[in-house]
Amino acid sequence: QCQVVQISPLLRELILVSLTIPAGYLPGGRDERIMELLLD
C-alpha cells in the first residue's frame, strides 16, 4: 500500500551509499551486499 514511512538512520545511509554504486555492479561483492541489505 501507499504509505508515508519513517527513514531509519541505517536506511538513510544505505540510500546515500547506493547512489555511488554503478548499475552494473558485480555480484558477490560489497555493492551487492549493500543492495541486498537495502531490500531487507
All heavy atoms as atom14 arrays in JSON, in Angstrom:
{
  "sequence": "QCQVVQISPLLRELILVSLTIPAGYLPGGRDERIMELLLD",
  "atom14_mask": [
    [1, 1, 1, 1, 1, 1, 1, 1, 1, 0, 0, 0, 0, 0],
    [1, 1, 1, 1, 1, 1, 0, 0, 0, 0, 0, 0, 0, 0],
    [1, 1, 1, 1, 1, 1, 1, 1, 1, 0, 0, 0, 0, 0],
    [1, 1, 1, 1, 1, 1, 1, 0, 0, 0, 0, 0, 0, 0],
    [1, 1, 1, 1, 1, 1, 1, 0, 0, 0, 0, 0, 0, 0],
    [1, 1, 1, 1, 1, 1, 1, 1, 1, 0, 0, 0, 0, 0],
    [1, 1, 1, 1, 1, 1, 1, 1, 0, 0, 0, 0, 0, 0],
    [1, 1, 1, 1, 1, 1, 0, 0, 0, 0, 0, 0, 0, 0],
    [1, 1, 1, 1, 1, 1, 1, 0, 0, 0, 0, 0, 0, 0],
    [1, 1, 1, 1, 1, 1, 1, 1, 0, 0, 0, 0, 0, 0],
    [1, 1, 1, 1, 1, 1, 1, 1, 0, 0, 0, 0, 0, 0],
    [1, 1, 1, 1, 1, 1, 1, 1, 1, 1, 1, 0, 0, 0],
    [1, 1, 1, 1, 1, 1, 1, 1, 1, 0, 0, 0, 0, 0],
    [1, 1, 1, 1, 1, 1, 1, 1, 0, 0, 0, 0, 0, 0],
    [1, 1, 1, 1, 1, 1, 1, 1, 0, 0, 0, 0, 0, 0],
    [1, 1, 1, 1, 1, 1, 1, 1, 0, 0, 0, 0, 0, 0],
    [1, 1, 1, 1, 1, 1, 1, 0, 0, 0, 0, 0, 0, 0],
    [1, 1, 1, 1, 1, 1, 0, 0, 0, 0, 0, 0, 0, 0],
    [1, 1, 1, 1, 1, 1, 1, 1, 0, 0, 0, 0, 0, 0],
    [1, 1, 1, 1, 1, 1, 1, 0, 0, 0, 0, 0, 0, 0],
    [1, 1, 1, 1, 1, 1, 1, 1, 0, 0, 0, 0, 0, 0],
    [1, 1, 1, 1, 1, 1, 1, 0, 0, 0, 0, 0, 0, 0],
    [1, 1, 1, 1, 1, 0, 0, 0, 0, 0, 0, 0, 0, 0],
    [1, 1, 1, 1, 0, 0, 0, 0, 0, 0, 0, 0, 0, 0],
    [1, 1, 1, 1, 1, 1, 1, 1, 1, 1, 1, 1, 0, 0],
    [1, 1, 1, 1, 1, 1, 1, 1, 0, 0, 0, 0, 0, 0],
    [1, 1, 1, 1, 1, 1, 1, 0, 0, 0, 0, 0, 0, 0],
    [1, 1, 1, 1, 0, 0, 0, 0, 0, 0, 0, 0, 0, 0],
    [1, 1, 1, 1, 0, 0, 0, 0, 0, 0, 0, 0, 0, 0],
    [1, 1, 1, 1, 1, 1, 1, 1, 1, 1, 1, 0, 0, 0],
    [1, 1, 1, 1, 1, 1, 1, 1, 0, 0, 0, 0, 0, 0],
    [1, 1, 1, 1, 1, 1, 1, 1, 1, 0, 0, 0, 0, 0],
    [1, 1, 1, 1, 1, 1, 1, 1, 1, 1, 1, 0, 0, 0],
    [1, 1, 1, 1, 1, 1, 1, 1, 0, 0, 0, 0, 0, 0],
    [1, 1, 1, 1, 1, 1, 1, 1, 0, 0, 0, 0, 0, 0],
    [1, 1, 1, 1, 1, 1, 1, 1, 1, 0, 0, 0, 0, 0],
    [1, 1, 1, 1, 1, 1, 1, 1, 0, 0, 0, 0, 0, 0],
    [1, 1, 1, 1, 1, 1, 1, 1, 0, 0, 0, 0, 0, 0],
    [1, 1, 1, 1, 1, 1, 1, 1, 0, 0, 0, 0, 0, 0],
    [1, 1, 1, 1, 1, 1, 1, 1, 0, 0, 0, 0, 0, 0]
  ],
  "atom14_positions": [
    [[0.83, -1.2, 0.0], [0.0, 0.0, 0.0], [0.87, 1.25, 0.0], [2.01, 1.23, 0.46], [-0.9, 0.02, 1.25], [-1.74, -1.22, 1.45], [-2.79, -1.4, 0.37], [-3.27, -0.43, -0.21], [-3.17, -2.64, 0.1], [0.0, 0.0, 0.0], [0.0, 0.0, 0.0], [0.0, 0.0, 0.0], [0.0, 0.0, 0.0], [0.0, 0.0, 0.0]],
    [[0.3, 2.36, -0.5], [0.96, 3.66, -0.34], [1.04, 3.98, 1.14], [0.07, 3.78, 1.88], [0.17, 4.76, -1.04], [0.12, 4.64, -2.82], [0.0, 0.0, 0.0], [0.0, 0.0, 0.0], [0.0, 0.0, 0.0], [0.0, 0.0, 0.0], [0.0, 0.0, 0.0], [0.0, 0.0, 0.0], [0.0, 0.0, 0.0], [0.0, 0.0, 0.0]],
    [[2.17, 4.51, 1.59], [2.31, 4.88, 2.99], [3.49, 5.81, 3.19], [4.53, 5.65, 2.55], [2.46, 3.63, 3.87], [3.56, 2.68, 3.43], [3.43, 1.3, 4.06], [2.35, 0.79, 4.25], [4.57, 0.7, 4.38], [0.0, 0.0, 0.0], [0.0, 0.0, 0.0], [0.0, 0.0, 0.0], [0.0, 0.0, 0.0], [0.0, 0.0, 0.0]],
    [[3.29, 6.82, 4.05], [4.41, 7.65, 4.48], [5.17, 6.85, 5.54], [4.57, 6.22, 6.41], [3.93, 8.99, 5.06], [5.1, 9.81, 5.58], [3.19, 9.78, 3.99], [0.0, 0.0, 0.0], [0.0, 0.0, 0.0], [0.0, 0.0, 0.0], [0.0, 0.0, 0.0], [0.0, 0.0, 0.0], [0.0, 0.0, 0.0], [0.0, 0.0, 0.0]],
    [[6.5, 6.87, 5.46], [7.29, 5.98, 6.3], [8.42, 6.74, 7.0], [8.91, 7.77, 6.51], [7.89, 4.82, 5.48], [6.78, 3.95, 4.9], [8.79, 5.34, 4.36], [0.0, 0.0, 0.0], [0.0, 0.0, 0.0], [0.0, 0.0, 0.0], [0.0, 0.0, 0.0], [0.0, 0.0, 0.0], [0.0, 0.0, 0.0], [0.0, 0.0, 0.0]],
    [[8.8, 6.2, 8.15], [9.98, 6.68, 8.86], [11.22, 6.13, 8.16], [11.24, 4.97, 7.75], [9.93, 6.22, 10.32], [10.99, 6.84, 11.2], [10.71, 8.32, 11.45], [9.61, 8.72, 11.78], [11.73, 9.14, 11.27], [0.0, 0.0, 0.0], [0.0, 0.0, 0.0], [0.0, 0.0, 0.0], [0.0, 0.0, 0.0], [0.0, 0.0, 0.0]],
    [[12.24, 6.96, 8.02], [13.51, 6.52, 7.43], [14.52, 6.41, 8.56], [14.91, 7.41, 9.17], [14.0, 7.51, 6.35], [12.95, 7.68, 5.25], [15.33, 7.05, 5.77], [12.7, 6.45, 4.41], [0.0, 0.0, 0.0], [0.0, 0.0, 0.0], [0.0, 0.0, 0.0], [0.0, 0.0, 0.0], [0.0, 0.0, 0.0], [0.0, 0.0, 0.0]],
    [[14.95, 5.19, 8.84], [15.9, 4.98, 9.93], [17.28, 5.53, 9.52], [17.58, 5.69, 8.33], [16.03, 3.5, 10.24], [16.67, 2.82, 9.16], [0.0, 0.0, 0.0], [0.0, 0.0, 0.0], [0.0, 0.0, 0.0], [0.0, 0.0, 0.0], [0.0, 0.0, 0.0], [0.0, 0.0, 0.0], [0.0, 0.0, 0.0], [0.0, 0.0, 0.0]],
    [[18.14, 5.83, 10.5], [19.5, 6.28, 10.16], [20.23, 5.28, 9.26], [20.94, 5.67, 8.33], [20.17, 6.41, 11.53], [19.06, 6.72, 12.47], [17.88, 5.92, 11.95], [0.0, 0.0, 0.0], [0.0, 0.0, 0.0], [0.0, 0.0, 0.0], [0.0, 0.0, 0.0], [0.0, 0.0, 0.0], [0.0, 0.0, 0.0], [0.0, 0.0, 0.0]],
    [[20.04, 3.97, 9.51], [20.69, 2.97, 8.67], [20.19, 3.04, 7.24], [20.99, 3.06, 6.29], [20.44, 1.57, 9.24], [20.91, 0.4, 8.36], [22.41, 0.49, 8.09], [20.54, -0.94, 9.01], [0.0, 0.0, 0.0], [0.0, 0.0, 0.0], [0.0, 0.0, 0.0], [0.0, 0.0, 0.0], [0.0, 0.0, 0.0], [0.0, 0.0, 0.0]],
    [[18.86, 3.1, 7.07], [18.31, 3.16, 5.72], [18.75, 4.42, 5.0], [19.07, 4.39, 3.8], [16.78, 3.08, 5.77], [16.05, 3.14, 4.43], [16.54, 2.06, 3.48], [14.54, 3.04, 4.63], [0.0, 0.0, 0.0], [0.0, 0.0, 0.0], [0.0, 0.0, 0.0], [0.0, 0.0, 0.0], [0.0, 0.0, 0.0], [0.0, 0.0, 0.0]],
    [[18.77, 5.55, 5.73], [19.21, 6.81, 5.11], [20.63, 6.69, 4.56], [20.92, 7.1, 3.43], [19.11, 7.94, 6.13], [19.44, 9.31, 5.56], [19.1, 10.41, 6.53], [19.89, 10.37, 7.74], [19.42, 10.1, 8.96], [18.14, 9.79, 9.13], [20.22, 10.09, 10.01], [0.0, 0.0, 0.0], [0.0, 0.0, 0.0], [0.0, 0.0, 0.0]],
    [[21.52, 6.11, 5.36], [22.91, 5.97, 4.91], [23.02, 4.98, 3.75], [23.8, 5.18, 2.82], [23.8, 5.55, 6.08], [23.92, 6.6, 7.17], [24.38, 7.95, 6.64], [25.33, 7.98, 5.81], [23.81, 8.97, 7.03], [0.0, 0.0, 0.0], [0.0, 0.0, 0.0], [0.0, 0.0, 0.0], [0.0, 0.0, 0.0], [0.0, 0.0, 0.0]],
    [[22.24, 3.9, 3.8], [22.26, 2.94, 2.7], [21.79, 3.58, 1.39], [22.35, 3.31, 0.32], [21.36, 1.74, 3.03], [21.89, 0.77, 4.09], [20.8, -0.21, 4.49], [23.12, 0.02, 3.58], [0.0, 0.0, 0.0], [0.0, 0.0, 0.0], [0.0, 0.0, 0.0], [0.0, 0.0, 0.0], [0.0, 0.0, 0.0], [0.0, 0.0, 0.0]],
    [[20.76, 4.44, 1.48], [20.28, 5.13, 0.28], [21.4, 6.02, -0.3], [21.65, 6.02, -1.51], [19.03, 5.97, 0.6], [17.85, 5.06, 0.92], [18.68, 6.89, -0.57], [16.63, 5.8, 1.46], [0.0, 0.0, 0.0], [0.0, 0.0, 0.0], [0.0, 0.0, 0.0], [0.0, 0.0, 0.0], [0.0, 0.0, 0.0], [0.0, 0.0, 0.0]],
    [[22.07, 6.76, 0.58], [23.13, 7.65, 0.1], [24.28, 6.86, -0.51], [24.83, 7.25, -1.55], [23.63, 8.52, 1.27], [22.61, 9.51, 1.83], [23.2, 10.26, 3.02], [22.14, 10.49, 0.77], [0.0, 0.0, 0.0], [0.0, 0.0, 0.0], [0.0, 0.0, 0.0], [0.0, 0.0, 0.0], [0.0, 0.0, 0.0], [0.0, 0.0, 0.0]],
    [[24.65, 5.75, 0.1], [25.73, 4.92, -0.44], [25.31, 4.31, -1.78], [26.12, 4.21, -2.71], [26.14, 3.83, 0.56], [27.12, 2.85, -0.08], [26.78, 4.45, 1.8], [0.0, 0.0, 0.0], [0.0, 0.0, 0.0], [0.0, 0.0, 0.0], [0.0, 0.0, 0.0], [0.0, 0.0, 0.0], [0.0, 0.0, 0.0], [0.0, 0.0, 0.0]],
    [[24.05, 3.92, -1.89], [23.58, 3.28, -3.13], [23.75, 4.2, -4.33], [23.91, 3.74, -5.47], [22.13, 2.84, -2.99], [21.24, 3.95, -3.03], [0.0, 0.0, 0.0], [0.0, 0.0, 0.0], [0.0, 0.0, 0.0], [0.0, 0.0, 0.0], [0.0, 0.0, 0.0], [0.0, 0.0, 0.0], [0.0, 0.0, 0.0], [0.0, 0.0, 0.0]],
    [[23.68, 5.52, -4.08], [23.83, 6.48, -5.18], [25.22, 6.45, -5.79], [25.42, 6.93, -6.91], [23.52, 7.89, -4.68], [22.04, 8.16, -4.33], [21.92, 9.43, -3.49], [21.2, 8.26, -5.59], [0.0, 0.0, 0.0], [0.0, 0.0, 0.0], [0.0, 0.0, 0.0], [0.0, 0.0, 0.0], [0.0, 0.0, 0.0], [0.0, 0.0, 0.0]],
    [[26.19, 5.9, -5.07], [27.57, 5.83, -5.58], [27.88, 4.49, -6.25], [28.97, 4.32, -6.78], [28.57, 6.04, -4.42], [28.52, 4.9, -3.53], [28.24, 7.3, -3.63], [0.0, 0.0, 0.0], [0.0, 0.0, 0.0], [0.0, 0.0, 0.0], [0.0, 0.0, 0.0], [0.0, 0.0, 0.0], [0.0, 0.0, 0.0], [0.0, 0.0, 0.0]],
    [[26.92, 3.57, -6.24], [27.15, 2.23, -6.78], [26.7, 2.19, -8.24], [25.57, 2.56, -8.55], [26.4, 1.18, -5.96], [26.96, 1.13, -4.53], [26.48, -0.2, -6.62], [26.22, 0.18, -3.61], [0.0, 0.0, 0.0], [0.0, 0.0, 0.0], [0.0, 0.0, 0.0], [0.0, 0.0, 0.0], [0.0, 0.0, 0.0], [0.0, 0.0, 0.0]],
    [[27.58, 1.77, -9.15], [27.19, 1.73, -10.57], [26.12, 0.68, -10.83], [26.02, -0.32, -10.11], [28.51, 1.38, -11.28], [29.32, 0.67, -10.24], [28.96, 1.3, -8.93], [0.0, 0.0, 0.0], [0.0, 0.0, 0.0], [0.0, 0.0, 0.0], [0.0, 0.0, 0.0], [0.0, 0.0, 0.0], [0.0, 0.0, 0.0], [0.0, 0.0, 0.0]],
    [[25.32, 0.91, -11.88], [24.22, -0.01, -12.19], [24.73, -1.42, -12.51], [24.09, -2.41, -12.19], [23.41, 0.54, -13.37], [0.0, 0.0, 0.0], [0.0, 0.0, 0.0], [0.0, 0.0, 0.0], [0.0, 0.0, 0.0], [0.0, 0.0, 0.0], [0.0, 0.0, 0.0], [0.0, 0.0, 0.0], [0.0, 0.0, 0.0], [0.0, 0.0, 0.0]],
    [[25.9, -1.52, -13.1], [26.43, -2.83, -13.49], [27.36, -3.44, -12.47], [28.35, -4.09, -12.85], [0.0, 0.0, 0.0], [0.0, 0.0, 0.0], [0.0, 0.0, 0.0], [0.0, 0.0, 0.0], [0.0, 0.0, 0.0], [0.0, 0.0, 0.0], [0.0, 0.0, 0.0], [0.0, 0.0, 0.0], [0.0, 0.0, 0.0], [0.0, 0.0, 0.0]],
    [[27.05, -3.25, -11.2], [27.95, -3.79, -10.16], [28.01, -5.31, -10.25], [27.07, -5.98, -10.67], [27.51, -3.35, -8.77], [26.12, -3.78, -8.36], [25.9, -5.04, -7.82], [25.03, -2.93, -8.52], [24.62, -5.44, -7.45], [23.76, -3.33, -8.15], [23.55, -4.58, -7.62], [22.3, -4.98, -7.26], [0.0, 0.0, 0.0], [0.0, 0.0, 0.0]],
    [[29.16, -5.87, -9.83], [29.38, -7.31, -9.92], [28.73, -8.03, -8.75], [28.7, -7.52, -7.63], [30.89, -7.6, -9.95], [31.66, -7.03, -11.14], [33.15, -7.29, -10.99], [31.14, -7.64, -12.44], [0.0, 0.0, 0.0], [0.0, 0.0, 0.0], [0.0, 0.0, 0.0], [0.0, 0.0, 0.0], [0.0, 0.0, 0.0], [0.0, 0.0, 0.0]],
    [[28.19, -9.21, -9.0], [27.59, -9.97, -7.91], [28.65, -10.5, -6.95], [29.82, -10.69, -7.34], [26.87, -11.12, -8.64], [27.61, -11.27, -9.93], [28.08, -9.9, -10.3], [0.0, 0.0, 0.0], [0.0, 0.0, 0.0], [0.0, 0.0, 0.0], [0.0, 0.0, 0.0], [0.0, 0.0, 0.0], [0.0, 0.0, 0.0], [0.0, 0.0, 0.0]],
    [[28.24, -10.71, -5.71], [29.12, -11.35, -4.74], [30.0, -10.42, -3.94], [30.7, -10.87, -3.02], [0.0, 0.0, 0.0], [0.0, 0.0, 0.0], [0.0, 0.0, 0.0], [0.0, 0.0, 0.0], [0.0, 0.0, 0.0], [0.0, 0.0, 0.0], [0.0, 0.0, 0.0], [0.0, 0.0, 0.0], [0.0, 0.0, 0.0], [0.0, 0.0, 0.0]],
    [[29.94, -9.13, -4.25], [30.82, -8.19, -3.56], [30.08, -7.26, -2.62], [28.89, -7.43, -2.33], [0.0, 0.0, 0.0], [0.0, 0.0, 0.0], [0.0, 0.0, 0.0], [0.0, 0.0, 0.0], [0.0, 0.0, 0.0], [0.0, 0.0, 0.0], [0.0, 0.0, 0.0], [0.0, 0.0, 0.0], [0.0, 0.0, 0.0], [0.0, 0.0, 0.0]],
    [[30.78, -6.23, -2.14], [30.21, -5.26, -1.2], [29.0, -4.56, -1.79], [27.99, -4.36, -1.1], [31.27, -4.23, -0.83], [30.75, -3.04, -0.01], [31.87, -2.07, 0.3], [31.39, -0.9, 1.04], [30.95, 0.23, 0.48], [30.93, 0.32, -0.87], [30.54, 1.25, 1.21], [0.0, 0.0, 0.0], [0.0, 0.0, 0.0], [0.0, 0.0, 0.0]],
    [[29.07, -4.17, -3.07], [27.96, -3.44, -3.69], [26.67, -4.26, -3.65], [25.59, -3.75, -3.31], [28.3, -3.07, -5.14], [29.41, -2.04, -5.22], [29.72, -1.42, -4.19], [29.99, -1.87, -6.31], [0.0, 0.0, 0.0], [0.0, 0.0, 0.0], [0.0, 0.0, 0.0], [0.0, 0.0, 0.0], [0.0, 0.0, 0.0], [0.0, 0.0, 0.0]],
    [[26.77, -5.54, -3.98], [25.58, -6.38, -3.95], [25.05, -6.54, -2.53], [23.83, -6.52, -2.3], [25.87, -7.75, -4.55], [24.64, -8.65, -4.6], [24.94, -10.04, -5.13], [25.84, -10.7, -4.57], [24.28, -10.45, -6.09], [0.0, 0.0, 0.0], [0.0, 0.0, 0.0], [0.0, 0.0, 0.0], [0.0, 0.0, 0.0], [0.0, 0.0, 0.0]],
    [[25.95, -6.67, -1.56], [25.51, -6.84, -0.17], [24.79, -5.58, 0.33], [23.81, -5.67, 1.08], [26.7, -7.17, 0.73], [27.25, -8.57, 0.5], [28.2, -9.0, 1.6], [29.42, -8.23, 1.61], [30.5, -8.5, 0.89], [30.51, -9.57, 0.09], [31.58, -7.75, 0.96], [0.0, 0.0, 0.0], [0.0, 0.0, 0.0], [0.0, 0.0, 0.0]],
    [[25.25, -4.41, -0.1], [24.56, -3.16, 0.27], [23.15, -3.15, -0.31], [22.17, -2.82, 0.37], [25.37, -1.94, -0.2], [26.62, -1.77, 0.67], [24.52, -0.67, -0.16], [27.58, -0.72, 0.17], [0.0, 0.0, 0.0], [0.0, 0.0, 0.0], [0.0, 0.0, 0.0], [0.0, 0.0, 0.0], [0.0, 0.0, 0.0], [0.0, 0.0, 0.0]],
    [[23.02, -3.52, -1.58], [21.7, -3.52, -2.21], [20.78, -4.56, -1.57], [19.57, -4.32, -1.4], [21.83, -3.79, -3.71], [22.55, -2.67, -4.48], [21.74, -1.06, -4.26], [22.5, -0.12, -5.59], [0.0, 0.0, 0.0], [0.0, 0.0, 0.0], [0.0, 0.0, 0.0], [0.0, 0.0, 0.0], [0.0, 0.0, 0.0], [0.0, 0.0, 0.0]],
    [[21.31, -5.71, -1.21], [20.5, -6.73, -0.54], [20.04, -6.24, 0.83], [18.89, -6.48, 1.23], [21.3, -8.03, -0.41], [21.53, -8.76, -1.73], [20.22, -9.24, -2.33], [19.4, -9.83, -1.61], [20.01, -9.01, -3.54], [0.0, 0.0, 0.0], [0.0, 0.0, 0.0], [0.0, 0.0, 0.0], [0.0, 0.0, 0.0], [0.0, 0.0, 0.0]],
    [[20.93, -5.56, 1.56], [20.54, -5.02, 2.86], [19.48, -3.92, 2.7], [18.55, -3.82, 3.51], [21.77, -4.46, 3.58], [21.55, -3.92, 5.0], [20.86, -4.95, 5.88], [22.87, -3.47, 5.61], [0.0, 0.0, 0.0], [0.0, 0.0, 0.0], [0.0, 0.0, 0.0], [0.0, 0.0, 0.0], [0.0, 0.0, 0.0], [0.0, 0.0, 0.0]],
    [[19.59, -3.13, 1.64], [18.56, -2.12, 1.35], [17.19, -2.79, 1.19], [16.19, -2.33, 1.75], [18.92, -1.38, 0.05], [19.39, 0.06, 0.15], [19.72, 0.6, -1.24], [18.37, 0.95, 0.84], [0.0, 0.0, 0.0], [0.0, 0.0, 0.0], [0.0, 0.0, 0.0], [0.0, 0.0, 0.0], [0.0, 0.0, 0.0], [0.0, 0.0, 0.0]],
    [[17.14, -3.87, 0.44], [15.88, -4.57, 0.23], [15.33, -5.11, 1.55], [14.12, -5.06, 1.79], [16.06, -5.73, -0.76], [16.25, -5.31, -2.23], [16.64, -6.53, -3.07], [14.97, -4.7, -2.77], [0.0, 0.0, 0.0], [0.0, 0.0, 0.0], [0.0, 0.0, 0.0], [0.0, 0.0, 0.0], [0.0, 0.0, 0.0], [0.0, 0.0, 0.0]],
    [[16.2, -5.61, 2.41], [15.76, -6.08, 3.72], [15.16, -4.95, 4.54], [14.13, -5.12, 5.21], [16.92, -6.72, 4.48], [17.29, -8.09, 3.92], [16.45, -8.7, 3.24], [18.42, -8.55, 4.17], [0.0, 0.0, 0.0], [0.0, 0.0, 0.0], [0.0, 0.0, 0.0], [0.0, 0.0, 0.0], [0.0, 0.0, 0.0], [0.0, 0.0, 0.0]]
  ]
}
